[in-house]
C-alpha atoms as a PDB file:
ATOM      1  CA  VAL A   1      20.931  33.210   9.726  1.00  0.00           C
ATOM      2  CA  GLN A   2      18.574  32.888  12.583  1.00  0.00           C
ATOM      3  CA  LEU A   3      18.901  29.828  14.761  1.00  0.00           C
ATOM      4  CA  GLN A   4      16.215  28.231  16.944  1.00  0.00           C
ATOM      5  CA  ALA A   5      17.025  25.547  19.321  1.00  0.00           C
ATOM      6  CA  TYR A   6      14.251  23.256  20.768  1.00  0.00           C
ATOM      7  CA  GLY A   7      13.635  19.853  22.229  1.00  0.00           C
ATOM      8  CA  GLY A   8      14.782  20.746  25.804  1.00  0.00           C
ATOM      9  CA  GLY A   9      12.677  19.403  28.559  1.00  0.00           C
ATOM     10  CA  LEU A  10      12.508  17.484  32.099  1.00  0.00           C
ATOM     11  CA  VAL A  11      13.947  13.727  32.213  1.00  0.00           C
ATOM     12  CA  GLN A  12      15.257  11.527  34.664  1.00  0.00           C
ATOM     13  CA  ALA A  13      19.007  10.514  34.980  1.00  0.00           C
ATOM     14  CA  GLY A  14      19.755   7.918  32.613  1.00  0.00           C
ATOM     15  CA  GLY A  15      17.212   9.110  30.037  1.00  0.00           C
ATOM     16  CA  TYR A  16      17.679  10.886  26.874  1.00  0.00           C
ATOM     17  CA  LEU A  17      16.632  14.005  24.769  1.00  0.00           C
ATOM     18  CA  ARG A  18      17.140  14.991  21.363  1.00  0.00           C
ATOM     19  CA  LEU A  19      17.797  18.828  20.676  1.00  0.00           C
ATOM     20  CA  SER A  20      17.255  20.367  17.169  1.00  0.00           C
ATOM     21  CA  CYS A  21      18.706  23.435  15.852  1.00  0.00           C
ATOM     22  CA  ALA A  22      16.768  24.848  12.824  1.00  0.00           C
ATOM     23  CA  ALA A  23      18.291  27.622  10.702  1.00  0.00           C
ATOM     24  CA  SER A  24      16.445  30.117   8.750  1.00  0.00           C
ATOM     25  CA  GLY A  25      16.772  33.049   6.603  1.00  0.00           C
ATOM     26  CA  ARG A  26      19.502  31.661   4.362  1.00  0.00           C
ATOM     27  CA  THR A  27      21.035  28.068   3.804  1.00  0.00           C
ATOM     28  CA  TRP A  28      23.689  27.223   6.210  1.00  0.00           C
ATOM     29  CA  VAL A  29      25.027  24.513   4.283  1.00  0.00           C
ATOM     30  CA  ASN A  30      28.690  25.911   4.522  1.00  0.00           C
ATOM     31  CA  TYR A  31      28.407  26.476   8.105  1.00  0.00           C
ATOM     32  CA  ALA A  32      29.973  24.733  11.137  1.00  0.00           C
ATOM     33  CA  VAL A  33      27.392  24.421  14.201  1.00  0.00           C
ATOM     34  CA  GLY A  34      28.347  24.164  17.745  1.00  0.00           C
ATOM     35  CA  TRP A  35      26.104  23.336  20.869  1.00  0.00           C
ATOM     36  CA  PHE A  36      27.144  24.990  24.128  1.00  0.00           C
ATOM     37  CA  ARG A  37      25.453  25.090  27.610  1.00  0.00           C
ATOM     38  CA  GLN A  38      25.155  27.477  30.598  1.00  0.00           C
ATOM     39  CA  THR A  39      24.105  27.290  34.020  1.00  0.00           C
ATOM     40  CA  PRO A  40      23.521  30.148  36.385  1.00  0.00           C
ATOM     41  CA  GLY A  41      26.658  31.675  37.469  1.00  0.00           C
ATOM     42  CA  LYS A  42      29.053  29.839  35.273  1.00  0.00           C
ATOM     43  CA  GLU A  43      30.348  30.659  31.510  1.00  0.00           C
ATOM     44  CA  ARG A  44      29.019  29.105  28.695  1.00  0.00           C
ATOM     45  CA  GLU A  45      30.717  25.985  27.821  1.00  0.00           C
ATOM     46  CA  PHE A  46      31.301  23.859  24.871  1.00  0.00           C
ATOM     47  CA  VAL A  47      29.439  20.696  24.333  1.00  0.00           C
ATOM     48  CA  ALA A  48      29.823  19.474  20.565  1.00  0.00           C
ATOM     49  CA  ALA A  49      30.530  20.863  17.012  1.00  0.00           C
ATOM     50  CA  ILE A  50      30.060  19.610  13.627  1.00  0.00           C
ATOM     51  CA  ASN A  51      32.015  21.129  10.452  1.00  0.00           C
ATOM     52  CA  TRP A  52      29.951  22.208   7.444  1.00  0.00           C
ATOM     53  CA  SER A  53      30.096  18.848   5.787  1.00  0.00           C
ATOM     54  CA  GLY A  54      29.456  16.561   8.767  1.00  0.00           C
ATOM     55  CA  GLY A  55      32.391  14.861   8.288  1.00  0.00           C
ATOM     56  CA  SER A  56      34.145  16.136  11.378  1.00  0.00           C
ATOM     57  CA  THR A  57      32.770  16.182  14.882  1.00  0.00           C
ATOM     58  CA  TYR A  58      33.925  17.397  18.213  1.00  0.00           C
ATOM     59  CA  TYR A  59      32.910  16.854  21.717  1.00  0.00           C
ATOM     60  CA  ALA A  60      33.845  17.955  25.120  1.00  0.00           C
ATOM     61  CA  ASP A  61      35.260  15.120  27.553  1.00  0.00           C
ATOM     62  CA  SER A  62      32.160  15.206  29.574  1.00  0.00           C
ATOM     63  CA  VAL A  63      29.771  14.261  27.043  1.00  0.00           C
ATOM     64  CA  LYS A  64      31.840  11.992  24.789  1.00  0.00           C
ATOM     65  CA  GLY A  65      30.389   8.834  24.301  1.00  0.00           C
ATOM     66  CA  ARG A  66      27.074  10.016  25.603  1.00  0.00           C
ATOM     67  CA  PHE A  67      26.148  12.689  22.973  1.00  0.00           C
ATOM     68  CA  THR A  68      25.958  12.772  19.246  1.00  0.00           C
ATOM     69  CA  ILE A  69      25.990  15.664  17.006  1.00  0.00           C
ATOM     70  CA  SER A  70      24.736  15.325  13.596  1.00  0.00           C
ATOM     71  CA  ARG A  71      23.241  17.347  10.556  1.00  0.00           C
ATOM     72  CA  ASN A  72      20.885  17.291   7.765  1.00  0.00           C
ATOM     73  CA  ASN A  73      21.818  20.202   5.454  1.00  0.00           C
ATOM     74  CA  ALA A  74      18.882  19.569   3.200  1.00  0.00           C
ATOM     75  CA  LYS A  75      16.349  20.294   6.161  1.00  0.00           C
ATOM     76  CA  ASN A  76      18.768  23.252   7.711  1.00  0.00           C
ATOM     77  CA  THR A  77      18.951  21.163  10.674  1.00  0.00           C
ATOM     78  CA  VAL A  78      21.462  20.123  13.379  1.00  0.00           C
ATOM     79  CA  LEU A  79      20.728  17.391  16.023  1.00  0.00           C
ATOM     80  CA  LEU A  80      21.956  16.672  19.403  1.00  0.00           C
ATOM     81  CA  GLN A  81      21.270  13.323  20.624  1.00  0.00           C
ATOM     82  CA  MET A  82      21.780  13.241  24.333  1.00  0.00           C
ATOM     83  CA  ASN A  83      21.978   9.711  26.057  1.00  0.00           C
ATOM     84  CA  SER A  84      22.526   8.577  29.372  1.00  0.00           C
ATOM     85  CA  LEU A  85      21.991  12.159  30.867  1.00  0.00           C
ATOM     86  CA  LYS A  86      23.119  13.245  34.113  1.00  0.00           C
ATOM     87  CA  PRO A  87      22.024  15.674  36.630  1.00  0.00           C
ATOM     88  CA  GLU A  88      25.147  17.715  35.847  1.00  0.00           C
ATOM     89  CA  ASP A  89      23.983  17.983  32.127  1.00  0.00           C
ATOM     90  CA  THR A  90      21.345  20.231  33.352  1.00  0.00           C
ATOM     91  CA  ALA A  91      21.645  23.757  31.665  1.00  0.00           C
ATOM     92  CA  VAL A  92      20.193  25.986  28.844  1.00  0.00           C
ATOM     93  CA  TYR A  93      21.690  24.457  25.736  1.00  0.00           C
ATOM     94  CA  TYR A  94      22.292  26.895  22.920  1.00  0.00           C
ATOM     95  CA  CYS A  95      23.262  26.261  19.122  1.00  0.00           C
ATOM     96  CA  ALA A  96      25.590  28.635  17.317  1.00  0.00           C
ATOM     97  CA  ALA A  97      26.883  28.932  13.589  1.00  0.00           C
ATOM     98  CA  ASP A  98      30.067  29.778  12.083  1.00  0.00           C
ATOM     99  CA  ARG A  99      29.821  30.970   8.512  1.00  0.00           C
ATOM    100  CA  LEU A 100      33.599  29.525   8.023  1.00  0.00           C
ATOM    101  CA  GLY A 101      32.402  26.094   8.579  1.00  0.00           C
ATOM    102  CA  ARG A 102      35.388  25.112  10.735  1.00  0.00           C
ATOM    103  CA  GLY A 103      33.747  23.536  13.801  1.00  0.00           C
ATOM    104  CA  SER A 104      35.556  24.744  16.880  1.00  0.00           C
ATOM    105  CA  SER A 105      35.166  24.428  20.917  1.00  0.00           C
ATOM    106  CA  SER A 106      35.833  28.167  20.929  1.00  0.00           C
ATOM    107  CA  LEU A 107      32.683  30.402  21.563  1.00  0.00           C
ATOM    108  CA  SER A 108      34.559  33.373  19.791  1.00  0.00           C
ATOM    109  CA  VAL A 109      34.267  31.524  16.120  1.00  0.00           C
ATOM    110  CA  TYR A 110      30.479  31.509  16.362  1.00  0.00           C
ATOM    111  CA  GLU A 111      28.729  34.623  14.858  1.00  0.00           C
ATOM    112  CA  PHE A 112      25.307  33.523  15.140  1.00  0.00           C
ATOM    113  CA  TRP A 113      23.456  32.377  18.218  1.00  0.00           C
ATOM    114  CA  GLY A 114      20.053  31.020  18.757  1.00  0.00           C
ATOM    115  CA  HIS A 115      17.812  31.352  21.848  1.00  0.00           C
ATOM    116  CA  GLY A 116      18.701  28.332  24.310  1.00  0.00           C
ATOM    117  CA  THR A 117      16.364  25.602  25.352  1.00  0.00           C
ATOM    118  CA  GLN A 118      16.318  24.510  28.874  1.00  0.00           C
ATOM    119  CA  VAL A 119      17.472  20.764  29.643  1.00  0.00           C
ATOM    120  CA  THR A 120      16.700  19.490  33.267  1.00  0.00           C
ATOM    121  CA  VAL A 121      17.891  16.142  34.652  1.00  0.00           C
ATOM    122  CA  SER A 122      16.514  14.902  37.796  1.00  0.00           C
ATOM    123  CA  SER A 123      18.337  12.673  40.050  1.00  0.00           C
END
């Protein structure tokens, strides 16, 4: 599975962005997908995840209530809607896939990673 994250950009605090993660190579209908982010000098951190069916979602406390993860398996796409953005949300955002479909905040369960997309929130 090849993943591509896109949709990042520059936005003012309080604004919104929608990130997309598209899969190619094979269908990922049974895969869980997670979003992670990383800033220079820091470890990559969990943001949100969704299990294979879309029936279960998970969020970091820092984004709960502001970000929403969803998926469209027919289009091999997972979305991350980010509202009420804050400067501390600035990071490179990555999507990742877990073929066991579990949905987890742990980086170690994700086997496939896409290139990141930069999100910058200005104050």
